C-alpha cells in the first residue's frame, strides 16, 4: 500500500511572543483531549462525533459526515500522547496520527504531530504530497488554537 510519513512541531509557549497566552502542560493536555472528544470544533465537515467506549487508556469514536460514518480508536497516554488509529474497515486502515506533548525544558512546550498514512493513491505527485502536508500542518495549528480556546474557557 502506498504510504506517507509526515512529522512537524508546533511551539506552544514562546517567551519572545507575549501576546500568546502561556499554557501549563495540564492546560495543553486538557485542550488537546477536548479536540479529540469534539473533533467537529476543528472540522466543519463533521456533523457529529460520539465517544462509544472509553477507559483511561483508550476511547473509540464514531464520526459522522452526512450519511457516512467512520470509527476510530484513540490510545491515550495520560498527559503525554494521543494516537488516533484509522477505522480498520476504511481505505486508510493502519494509518495513525500521533499527537505528543514534548517539554525539553521546564514550561517549554511543543506538540509533535506524526502522520503515518496508508492507503493513499499509488499514482500521486510530490506536489500532491506537499499540499497534503500543508493541509495537515494548518489543521494542527487550528487544533492548538482550539486547545488554547478550551484552556481559556476553563479559567
C-alpha atoms as a PDB file:
ATOM      1  CA  UNK A   1       0.000   0.000   0.000  1.00  0.00           C
ATOM      2  CA  UNK A   2       1.341   3.469  -0.830  1.00  0.00           C
ATOM      3  CA  UNK A   3       2.152   5.410   2.311  1.00  0.00           C
ATOM      4  CA  UNK A   4       3.331   8.803   3.523  1.00  0.00           C
ATOM      5  CA  UNK A   5       5.023   9.881   6.742  1.00  0.00           C
ATOM      6  CA  UNK A   6       4.944  13.495   7.872  1.00  0.00           C
ATOM      7  CA  UNK A   7       6.157  14.962  11.141  1.00  0.00           C
ATOM      8  CA  UNK A   8       6.284  18.510  12.483  1.00  0.00           C
ATOM      9  CA  UNK A   9       6.356  20.527  15.713  1.00  0.00           C
ATOM     10  CA  UNK A  10       4.153  23.352  16.948  1.00  0.00           C
ATOM     11  CA  UNK A  11       5.648  25.561  19.655  1.00  0.00           C
ATOM     12  CA  UNK A  12       3.227  26.314  22.474  1.00  0.00           C
ATOM     13  CA  UNK A  13       4.999  28.637  24.904  1.00  0.00           C
ATOM     14  CA  UNK A  14       7.216  31.299  23.374  1.00  0.00           C
ATOM     15  CA  UNK A  15       8.815  33.892  25.646  1.00  0.00           C
ATOM     16  CA  UNK A  16       9.513  36.090  22.603  1.00  0.00           C
ATOM     17  CA  UNK A  17       5.768  36.365  21.887  1.00  0.00           C
ATOM     18  CA  UNK A  18       3.997  37.790  24.972  1.00  0.00           C
ATOM     19  CA  UNK A  19       0.723  38.192  23.022  1.00  0.00           C
ATOM     20  CA  UNK A  20       0.132  34.430  23.133  1.00  0.00           C
ATOM     21  CA  UNK A  21      -1.122  33.041  26.441  1.00  0.00           C
ATOM     22  CA  UNK A  22       1.286  30.762  28.286  1.00  0.00           C
ATOM     23  CA  UNK A  23      -0.141  27.277  28.863  1.00  0.00           C
ATOM     24  CA  UNK A  24       0.737  24.758  31.510  1.00  0.00           C
ATOM     25  CA  UNK A  25       1.233  21.179  30.434  1.00  0.00           C
ATOM     26  CA  UNK A  26      -2.064  20.262  32.123  1.00  0.00           C
ATOM     27  CA  UNK A  27      -3.975  23.014  30.278  1.00  0.00           C
ATOM     28  CA  UNK A  28      -2.452  21.924  26.980  1.00  0.00           C
ATOM     29  CA  UNK A  29      -3.296  18.279  27.660  1.00  0.00           C
ATOM     30  CA  UNK A  30      -6.921  19.075  28.548  1.00  0.00           C
ATOM     31  CA  UNK A  31      -7.227  21.214  25.429  1.00  0.00           C
ATOM     32  CA  UNK A  32      -5.820  18.510  23.156  1.00  0.00           C
ATOM     33  CA  UNK A  33      -8.107  15.923  24.742  1.00  0.00           C
ATOM     34  CA  UNK A  34     -11.037  18.271  24.091  1.00  0.00           C
ATOM     35  CA  UNK A  35     -10.152  18.307  20.367  1.00  0.00           C
ATOM     36  CA  UNK A  36     -10.299  14.506  20.379  1.00  0.00           C
ATOM     37  CA  UNK A  37     -13.677  14.386  22.123  1.00  0.00           C
ATOM     38  CA  UNK A  38     -15.143  17.182  19.974  1.00  0.00           C
ATOM     39  CA  UNK A  39     -13.415  16.958  16.558  1.00  0.00           C
ATOM     40  CA  UNK A  40     -16.273  18.896  14.964  1.00  0.00           C
ATOM     41  CA  UNK A  41     -14.764  22.000  16.619  1.00  0.00           C
ATOM     42  CA  UNK A  42     -11.892  21.624  14.108  1.00  0.00           C
ATOM     43  CA  UNK A  43     -13.596  20.153  11.068  1.00  0.00           C
ATOM     44  CA  UNK A  44     -16.803  21.686   9.714  1.00  0.00           C
ATOM     45  CA  UNK A  45     -17.461  18.585   7.614  1.00  0.00           C
ATOM     46  CA  UNK A  46     -18.156  16.569  10.786  1.00  0.00           C
ATOM     47  CA  UNK A  47     -21.842  16.570  11.664  1.00  0.00           C
ATOM     48  CA  UNK A  48     -21.437  14.632  14.911  1.00  0.00           C
ATOM     49  CA  UNK A  49     -18.862  12.725  16.892  1.00  0.00           C
ATOM     50  CA  UNK A  50     -19.729  10.332  19.680  1.00  0.00           C
ATOM     51  CA  UNK A  51     -17.441   8.519  22.072  1.00  0.00           C
ATOM     52  CA  UNK A  52     -18.814   4.987  22.092  1.00  0.00           C
ATOM     53  CA  UNK A  53     -16.342   3.473  24.538  1.00  0.00           C
ATOM     54  CA  UNK A  54     -13.832   4.984  26.928  1.00  0.00           C
ATOM     55  CA  UNK A  55     -11.276   3.951  29.514  1.00  0.00           C
ATOM     56  CA  UNK A  56      -8.309   5.793  30.960  1.00  0.00           C
ATOM     57  CA  UNK A  57      -6.085   4.395  28.168  1.00  0.00           C
ATOM     58  CA  UNK A  58      -8.408   4.362  25.139  1.00  0.00           C
ATOM     59  CA  UNK A  59     -11.511   5.765  23.556  1.00  0.00           C
ATOM     60  CA  UNK A  60     -13.461   4.753  20.479  1.00  0.00           C
ATOM     61  CA  UNK A  61     -15.274   7.334  18.397  1.00  0.00           C
ATOM     62  CA  UNK A  62     -17.905   7.315  15.719  1.00  0.00           C
ATOM     63  CA  UNK A  63     -17.611  10.311  13.415  1.00  0.00           C
ATOM     64  CA  UNK A  64     -20.489  11.149  11.092  1.00  0.00           C
ATOM     65  CA  UNK A  65     -20.362  13.240   7.944  1.00  0.00           C
ATOM     66  CA  UNK A  66     -23.798  13.181   6.361  1.00  0.00           C
ATOM     67  CA  UNK A  67     -24.745   9.535   5.858  1.00  0.00           C
ATOM     68  CA  UNK A  68     -21.124   8.358   6.112  1.00  0.00           C
ATOM     69  CA  UNK A  69     -19.974   7.083   9.467  1.00  0.00           C
ATOM     70  CA  UNK A  70     -16.425   6.053  10.409  1.00  0.00           C
ATOM     71  CA  UNK A  71     -14.981   4.566  13.555  1.00  0.00           C
ATOM     72  CA  UNK A  72     -11.572   5.196  15.002  1.00  0.00           C
ATOM     73  CA  UNK A  73      -9.706   4.432  18.178  1.00  0.00           C
ATOM     74  CA  UNK A  74      -7.601   6.785  20.248  1.00  0.00           C
ATOM     75  CA  UNK A  75      -4.873   5.457  22.519  1.00  0.00           C
ATOM     76  CA  UNK A  76      -4.419   7.780  25.491  1.00  0.00           C
ATOM     77  CA  UNK A  77      -1.165   8.018  27.422  1.00  0.00           C
ATOM     78  CA  UNK A  78      -2.300  10.486  30.066  1.00  0.00           C
ATOM     79  CA  UNK A  79      -0.618  13.865  29.963  1.00  0.00           C
ATOM     80  CA  UNK A  80       1.670  12.847  27.096  1.00  0.00           C
ATOM     81  CA  UNK A  81       0.392  11.255  23.918  1.00  0.00           C
ATOM     82  CA  UNK A  82      -2.711  10.626  21.841  1.00  0.00           C
ATOM     83  CA  UNK A  83      -2.563   8.104  18.988  1.00  0.00           C
ATOM     84  CA  UNK A  84      -5.521   8.120  16.612  1.00  0.00           C
ATOM     85  CA  UNK A  85      -5.868   4.900  14.614  1.00  0.00           C
ATOM     86  CA  UNK A  86      -7.942   4.975  11.435  1.00  0.00           C
ATOM     87  CA  UNK A  87     -11.078   2.932  11.007  1.00  0.00           C
ATOM     88  CA  UNK A  88      -9.900  -0.642  10.357  1.00  0.00           C
ATOM     89  CA  UNK A  89     -12.653  -1.015   7.737  1.00  0.00           C
ATOM     90  CA  UNK A  90     -11.542   2.047   5.763  1.00  0.00           C
ATOM     91  CA  UNK A  91      -9.181   2.510   2.861  1.00  0.00           C
ATOM     92  CA  UNK A  92      -6.782   4.147   5.355  1.00  0.00           C
ATOM     93  CA  UNK A  93      -6.572   1.185   7.752  1.00  0.00           C
ATOM     94  CA  UNK A  94      -3.248   1.121   9.573  1.00  0.00           C
ATOM     95  CA  UNK A  95      -2.909   4.917   9.375  1.00  0.00           C
ATOM     96  CA  UNK A  96      -2.163   6.820  12.563  1.00  0.00           C
ATOM     97  CA  UNK A  97      -1.837  10.358  13.831  1.00  0.00           C
ATOM     98  CA  UNK A  98       0.320  10.667  16.932  1.00  0.00           C
ATOM     99  CA  UNK A  99      -0.022  13.874  18.965  1.00  0.00           C
ATOM    100  CA  UNK A 100       2.696  14.115  21.611  1.00  0.00           C
ATOM    101  CA  UNK A 101       3.487  16.855  24.116  1.00  0.00           C
ATOM    102  CA  UNK A 102       7.221  17.498  24.439  1.00  0.00           C
ATOM    103  CA  UNK A 103       8.838  19.569  27.159  1.00  0.00           C
ATOM    104  CA  UNK A 104      12.595  19.844  26.519  1.00  0.00           C
ATOM    105  CA  UNK A 105      12.943  22.310  29.432  1.00  0.00           C
ATOM    106  CA  UNK A 106      10.509  23.281  32.204  1.00  0.00           C
ATOM    107  CA  UNK A 107       7.457  25.032  30.721  1.00  0.00           C
ATOM    108  CA  UNK A 108       8.963  24.973  27.204  1.00  0.00           C
ATOM    109  CA  UNK A 109       6.146  23.105  25.490  1.00  0.00           C
ATOM    110  CA  UNK A 110       5.830  21.771  21.964  1.00  0.00           C
ATOM    111  CA  UNK A 111       3.363  19.438  20.330  1.00  0.00           C
ATOM    112  CA  UNK A 112       4.793  16.927  17.860  1.00  0.00           C
ATOM    113  CA  UNK A 113       2.416  15.648  15.195  1.00  0.00           C
ATOM    114  CA  UNK A 114       3.350  12.439  13.373  1.00  0.00           C
ATOM    115  CA  UNK A 115       1.247  11.235  10.452  1.00  0.00           C
ATOM    116  CA  UNK A 116       1.739   7.727   9.143  1.00  0.00           C
ATOM    117  CA  UNK A 117      -0.689   7.304   6.265  1.00  0.00           C
ATOM    118  CA  UNK A 118      -1.518   4.150   4.353  1.00  0.00           C
ATOM    119  CA  UNK A 119      -3.984   3.516   1.554  1.00  0.00           C
ATOM    120  CA  UNK A 120      -3.075   6.579  -0.495  1.00  0.00           C
ATOM    121  CA  UNK A 121      -3.283   6.674  -4.258  1.00  0.00           C
ATOM    122  CA  UNK A 122      -0.454   4.789  -5.974  1.00  0.00           C
ATOM    123  CA  UNK A 123      -0.129   7.474  -8.618  1.00  0.00           C
ATOM    124  CA  UNK A 124       0.385  10.817  -6.907  1.00  0.00           C
ATOM    125  CA  UNK A 125       2.802  13.684  -7.364  1.00  0.00           C
ATOM    126  CA  UNK A 126       5.183  15.341  -4.940  1.00  0.00           C
ATOM    127  CA  UNK A 127       3.014  18.461  -5.250  1.00  0.00           C
ATOM    128  CA  UNK A 128       0.013  16.461  -4.005  1.00  0.00           C
ATOM    129  CA  UNK A 129       2.024  15.167  -1.063  1.00  0.00           C
ATOM    130  CA  UNK A 130       3.241  18.705  -0.276  1.00  0.00           C
ATOM    131  CA  UNK A 131      -0.331  20.005  -0.395  1.00  0.00           C
ATOM    132  CA  UNK A 132      -1.399  17.206   1.962  1.00  0.00           C
ATOM    133  CA  UNK A 133       1.455  18.086   4.360  1.00  0.00           C
ATOM    134  CA  UNK A 134       0.496  21.790   4.321  1.00  0.00           C
ATOM    135  CA  UNK A 135      -3.147  20.887   4.993  1.00  0.00           C
ATOM    136  CA  UNK A 136      -2.139  18.729   7.948  1.00  0.00           C
ATOM    137  CA  UNK A 137       0.045  21.488   9.382  1.00  0.00           C
ATOM    138  CA  UNK A 138      -2.771  24.039   9.027  1.00  0.00           C
ATOM    139  CA  UNK A 139      -5.163  21.605  10.712  1.00  0.00           C
ATOM    140  CA  UNK A 140      -2.702  21.034  13.548  1.00  0.00           C
ATOM    141  CA  UNK A 141      -2.250  24.763  14.101  1.00  0.00           C
ATOM    142  CA  UNK A 142      -6.045  25.035  14.306  1.00  0.00           C
ATOM    143  CA  UNK A 143      -6.051  22.111  16.780  1.00  0.00           C
ATOM    144  CA  UNK A 144      -3.628  24.037  19.002  1.00  0.00           C
ATOM    145  CA  UNK A 145      -5.785  27.182  18.690  1.00  0.00           C
ATOM    146  CA  UNK A 146      -8.844  25.188  19.739  1.00  0.00           C
ATOM    147  CA  UNK A 147      -6.872  23.686  22.657  1.00  0.00           C
ATOM    148  CA  UNK A 148      -5.956  27.249  23.716  1.00  0.00           C
ATOM    149  CA  UNK A 149      -9.612  28.395  23.445  1.00  0.00           C
ATOM    150  CA  UNK A 150     -10.676  25.444  25.571  1.00  0.00           C
ATOM    151  CA  UNK A 151      -7.981  26.191  28.181  1.00  0.00           C
ATOM    152  CA  UNK A 152      -9.149  29.821  28.343  1.00  0.00           C
ATOM    153  CA  UNK A 153     -12.730  28.679  28.990  1.00  0.00           C
ATOM    154  CA  UNK A 154     -11.586  26.576  31.934  1.00  0.00           C
ATOM    155  CA  UNK A 155     -10.181  29.656  33.673  1.00  0.00           C
END
